[in-house]
C-alpha atoms as a PDB file:
ATOM      1  CA  MET A   1     172.073 119.645   0.621  1.00  0.00           C
ATOM      2  CA  ALA A   2     173.370 120.640  -2.819  1.00  0.00           C
ATOM      3  CA  ALA A   3     171.272 122.294  -5.665  1.00  0.00           C
ATOM      4  CA  GLY A   4     170.950 119.238  -7.887  1.00  0.00           C
ATOM      5  CA  GLY A   5     170.734 116.359  -5.043  1.00  0.00           C
ATOM      6  CA  TYR A   6     173.270 114.921  -2.827  1.00  0.00           C
ATOM      7  CA  TRP A   7     175.694 112.397  -4.380  1.00  0.00           C
ATOM      8  CA  PHE A   8     177.802 109.719  -2.772  1.00  0.00           C
ATOM      9  CA  GLN A   9     180.690 111.655  -3.825  1.00  0.00           C
ATOM     10  CA  ASP A  10     179.519 114.509  -1.836  1.00  0.00           C
ATOM     11  CA  TYR A  11     180.290 112.542   1.441  1.00  0.00           C
ATOM     12  CA  PHE A  12     184.114 112.840   0.449  1.00  0.00           C
ATOM     13  CA  ALA A  13     183.936 116.294  -0.304  1.00  0.00           C
ATOM     14  CA  ASP A  14     182.240 116.844   2.943  1.00  0.00           C
ATOM     15  CA  LEU A  15     184.682 114.781   4.777  1.00  0.00           C
ATOM     16  CA  ASP A  16     187.731 116.681   3.155  1.00  0.00           C
ATOM     17  CA  ALA A  17     186.243 119.812   4.009  1.00  0.00           C
ATOM     18  CA  LEU A  18     185.644 118.979   7.599  1.00  0.00           C
ATOM     19  CA  LEU A  19     189.186 117.690   7.969  1.00  0.00           C
ATOM     20  CA  ASP A  20     190.681 121.132   6.556  1.00  0.00           C
ATOM     21  CA  GLU A  21     188.717 122.546   9.350  1.00  0.00           C
ATOM     22  CA  LEU A  22     189.576 120.196  12.463  1.00  0.00           C
ATOM     23  CA  SER A  23     193.037 118.909  11.445  1.00  0.00           C
ATOM     24  CA  PRO A  24     194.564 120.632   8.639  1.00  0.00           C
ATOM     25  CA  ASP A  25     198.118 119.848   9.190  1.00  0.00           C
ATOM     26  CA  ALA A  26     198.083 116.366  10.683  1.00  0.00           C
ATOM     27  CA  PRO A  27     196.578 113.064   9.554  1.00  0.00           C
ATOM     28  CA  VAL A  28     193.730 111.810  11.328  1.00  0.00           C
ATOM     29  CA  ALA A  29     192.104 108.640  12.760  1.00  0.00           C
ATOM     30  CA  LEU A  30     188.887 107.961  10.920  1.00  0.00           C
ATOM     31  CA  VAL A  31     186.090 105.598  12.448  1.00  0.00           C
ATOM     32  CA  GLY A  32     182.997 105.214  10.442  1.00  0.00           C
ATOM     33  CA  HIS A  33     179.872 102.741  10.741  1.00  0.00           C
ATOM     34  CA  SER A  34     177.941 101.097   7.963  1.00  0.00           C
ATOM     35  CA  MET A  35     177.755 103.495   5.201  1.00  0.00           C
ATOM     36  CA  GLY A  36     180.241 105.882   7.068  1.00  0.00           C
ATOM     37  CA  GLY A  37     182.708 102.981   7.171  1.00  0.00           C
ATOM     38  CA  ASN A  38     182.583 102.988   3.719  1.00  0.00           C
ATOM     39  CA  VAL A  39     183.205 106.613   3.186  1.00  0.00           C
ATOM     40  CA  ALA A  40     185.920 106.582   5.688  1.00  0.00           C
ATOM     41  CA  SER A  41     187.437 103.507   3.841  1.00  0.00           C
ATOM     42  CA  ILE A  42     187.132 105.184   0.340  1.00  0.00           C
ATOM     43  CA  TYR A  43     188.270 108.490   1.604  1.00  0.00           C
ATOM     44  CA  ALA A  44     191.720 106.818   2.962  1.00  0.00           C
ATOM     45  CA  GLY A  45     192.439 105.424  -0.336  1.00  0.00           C
ATOM     46  CA  LEU A  46     191.700 109.013  -2.047  1.00  0.00           C
ATOM     47  CA  ARG A  47     193.832 111.006   0.473  1.00  0.00           C
ATOM     48  CA  PRO A  48     196.102 108.457   2.310  1.00  0.00           C
ATOM     49  CA  GLN A  49     198.158 111.521   3.102  1.00  0.00           C
ATOM     50  CA  ARG A  50     195.212 112.863   5.413  1.00  0.00           C
ATOM     51  CA  VAL A  51     194.560 109.541   7.239  1.00  0.00           C
ATOM     52  CA  ARG A  52     196.601 107.877   9.905  1.00  0.00           C
ATOM     53  CA  CYS A  53     194.177 105.031  10.379  1.00  0.00           C
ATOM     54  CA  VAL A  54     190.678 103.703   9.723  1.00  0.00           C
ATOM     55  CA  ALA A  55     188.271 101.821  12.173  1.00  0.00           C
ATOM     56  CA  ASP A  56     185.483 100.571   9.813  1.00  0.00           C
ATOM     57  CA  LEU A  57     182.571  99.279  11.670  1.00  0.00           C
ATOM     58  CA  GLU A  58     180.296  97.170   9.508  1.00  0.00           C
ATOM     59  CA  GLY A  59     181.008  99.078   6.225  1.00  0.00           C
ATOM     60  CA  PHE A  60     181.745  96.138   4.210  1.00  0.00           C
ATOM     61  CA  GLY A  61     180.165  97.806   0.978  1.00  0.00           C
ATOM     62  CA  LEU A  62     177.535  96.223  -1.368  1.00  0.00           C
ATOM     63  CA  PRO A  63     177.772  92.529  -2.306  1.00  0.00           C
ATOM     64  CA  ARG A  64     179.019  91.999  -5.470  1.00  0.00           C
ATOM     65  CA  THR A  65     176.510  91.350  -8.224  1.00  0.00           C
ATOM     66  CA  ALA A  66     176.475  91.251 -12.212  1.00  0.00           C
ATOM     67  CA  PRO A  67     175.445  94.497 -13.693  1.00  0.00           C
ATOM     68  CA  GLU A  68     172.501  92.580 -15.353  1.00  0.00           C
ATOM     69  CA  GLN A  69     170.953  91.602 -11.915  1.00  0.00           C
ATOM     70  CA  ALA A  70     170.635  95.498 -10.980  1.00  0.00           C
ATOM     71  CA  PRO A  71     167.250  96.020 -12.676  1.00  0.00           C
ATOM     72  CA  VAL A  72     165.732  92.994 -10.855  1.00  0.00           C
ATOM     73  CA  GLN A  73     167.246  93.836  -7.681  1.00  0.00           C
ATOM     74  CA  LEU A  74     166.169  97.454  -7.937  1.00  0.00           C
ATOM     75  CA  ALA A  75     162.733  96.608  -8.926  1.00  0.00           C
ATOM     76  CA  LYS A  76     162.521  93.942  -5.905  1.00  0.00           C
ATOM     77  CA  TRP A  77     163.406  96.816  -3.549  1.00  0.00           C
ATOM     78  CA  LEU A  78     161.112  99.380  -4.961  1.00  0.00           C
ATOM     79  CA  ASP A  79     158.324  96.522  -4.524  1.00  0.00           C
ATOM     80  CA  GLN A  80     159.254  96.164  -0.980  1.00  0.00           C
ATOM     81  CA  VAL A  81     159.397  99.995  -0.093  1.00  0.00           C
ATOM     82  CA  LYS A  82     155.751 100.089  -1.317  1.00  0.00           C
ATOM     83  CA  SER A  83     154.717  97.168   0.996  1.00  0.00           C
ATOM     84  CA  ALA A  84     153.889  96.779   4.469  1.00  0.00           C
ATOM     85  CA  PRO A  85     157.064  96.034   6.529  1.00  0.00           C
ATOM     86  CA  VAL A  86     157.369  92.140   7.250  1.00  0.00           C
ATOM     87  CA  SER A  87     157.534  91.203  10.921  1.00  0.00           C
ATOM     88  CA  LYS A  88     158.778  88.296  12.775  1.00  0.00           C
ATOM     89  CA  ASP A  89     156.781  87.693  16.125  1.00  0.00           C
ATOM     90  CA  TYR A  90     158.721  86.732  19.308  1.00  0.00           C
ATOM     91  CA  GLU A  91     157.245  85.432  22.585  1.00  0.00           C
ATOM     92  CA  SER A  92     159.432  87.866  24.483  1.00  0.00           C
ATOM     93  CA  VAL A  93     162.270  90.175  24.307  1.00  0.00           C
ATOM     94  CA  ALA A  94     164.429  87.375  25.897  1.00  0.00           C
ATOM     95  CA  GLN A  95     163.446  85.096  23.063  1.00  0.00           C
ATOM     96  CA  LEU A  96     164.664  87.646  20.447  1.00  0.00           C
ATOM     97  CA  ALA A  97     167.807  88.237  22.375  1.00  0.00           C
ATOM     98  CA  SER A  98     168.558  84.302  22.407  1.00  0.00           C
ATOM     99  CA  VAL A  99     168.218  84.530  18.612  1.00  0.00           C
ATOM    100  CA  ILE A 100     170.384  87.315  18.114  1.00  0.00           C
ATOM    101  CA  GLN A 101     173.011  85.776  20.699  1.00  0.00           C
ATOM    102  CA  TYR A 102     172.951  82.870  18.458  1.00  0.00           C
ATOM    103  CA  ARG A 103     173.571  84.478  15.079  1.00  0.00           C
ATOM    104  CA  TYR A 104     176.074  86.724  16.857  1.00  0.00           C
ATOM    105  CA  PRO A 105     177.916  84.574  19.357  1.00  0.00           C
ATOM    106  CA  ARG A 106     180.548  87.124  20.458  1.00  0.00           C
ATOM    107  CA  LEU A 107     177.793  89.175  21.990  1.00  0.00           C
ATOM    108  CA  SER A 108     177.046  88.754  25.560  1.00  0.00           C
ATOM    109  CA  GLU A 109     173.943  87.920  27.163  1.00  0.00           C
ATOM    110  CA  ALA A 110     173.530  91.838  28.224  1.00  0.00           C
ATOM    111  CA  GLN A 111     174.572  93.001  24.717  1.00  0.00           C
ATOM    112  CA  ALA A 112     171.899  90.423  23.020  1.00  0.00           C
ATOM    113  CA  GLY A 113     169.375  91.874  25.321  1.00  0.00           C
ATOM    114  CA  PHE A 114     170.054  95.572  24.638  1.00  0.00           C
ATOM    115  CA  VAL A 115     169.956  95.116  20.890  1.00  0.00           C
ATOM    116  CA  ALA A 116     166.743  92.953  21.285  1.00  0.00           C
ATOM    117  CA  ALA A 117     165.085  95.476  23.058  1.00  0.00           C
ATOM    118  CA  ALA A 118     166.296  98.526  20.727  1.00  0.00           C
ATOM    119  CA  TRP A 119     165.182  96.292  17.564  1.00  0.00           C
ATOM    120  CA  SER A 120     161.408  95.471  18.987  1.00  0.00           C
ATOM    121  CA  ARG A 121     158.355  97.274  19.540  1.00  0.00           C
ATOM    122  CA  ARG A 122     155.245  96.429  20.969  1.00  0.00           C
ATOM    123  CA  ARG A 123     152.315  95.360  18.845  1.00  0.00           C
ATOM    124  CA  GLY A 124     149.141  96.491  20.388  1.00  0.00           C
ATOM    125  CA  ALA A 125     148.459  97.363  24.044  1.00  0.00           C
ATOM    126  CA  ALA A 126     146.933  94.014  25.086  1.00  0.00           C
ATOM    127  CA  CYS A 127     149.328  91.963  22.979  1.00  0.00           C
ATOM    128  CA  GLY A 128     152.436  91.238  25.117  1.00  0.00           C
ATOM    129  CA  ARG A 129     154.377  90.166  21.847  1.00  0.00           C
ATOM    130  CA  ARG A 130     157.158  91.963  20.236  1.00  0.00           C
ATOM    131  CA  ALA A 131     157.944  92.129  16.306  1.00  0.00           C
ATOM    132  CA  ILE A 132     160.867  93.088  14.327  1.00  0.00           C
ATOM    133  CA  ARG A 133     161.089  94.285  11.061  1.00  0.00           C
ATOM    134  CA  ALA A 134     162.778  91.878   8.632  1.00  0.00           C
ATOM    135  CA  SER A 135     165.477  93.464   6.301  1.00  0.00           C
ATOM    136  CA  MET A 136     164.711  94.480   2.831  1.00  0.00           C
ATOM    137  CA  VAL A 137     166.779  93.906  -0.188  1.00  0.00           C
ATOM    138  CA  ASN A 138     169.948  96.030  -0.490  1.00  0.00           C
ATOM    139  CA  PRO A 139     169.485  97.751  -3.825  1.00  0.00           C
END
């Protein structure tokens, strides 16, 4: 980590240095997921000569908000970080999988089951219920 902390721009510098080592003379195919997708997409705009193509998986950036909303959003996020996680109970992993498949119809039954199992956790040995943590506000 950099001496004064790690800034978002440091991801671009790290990627630039990595590409200097791995592919100094040829453009690369970049694949990024979530925040990595944002890094890959922005980097492609900064150094188009270094990037042949980009696969951006769920890297859509932050939703557009007005600057005056920032203090309220950040305060809400800080409050959520301090609070206990919110969970939604499901009777089974299969029930959670059906909810996931409803929300994401392109997922197969097997894929939704895999995601449901990965997202859930047991709540107590005697209780056969599962819970999934609700997503927090994105600051």
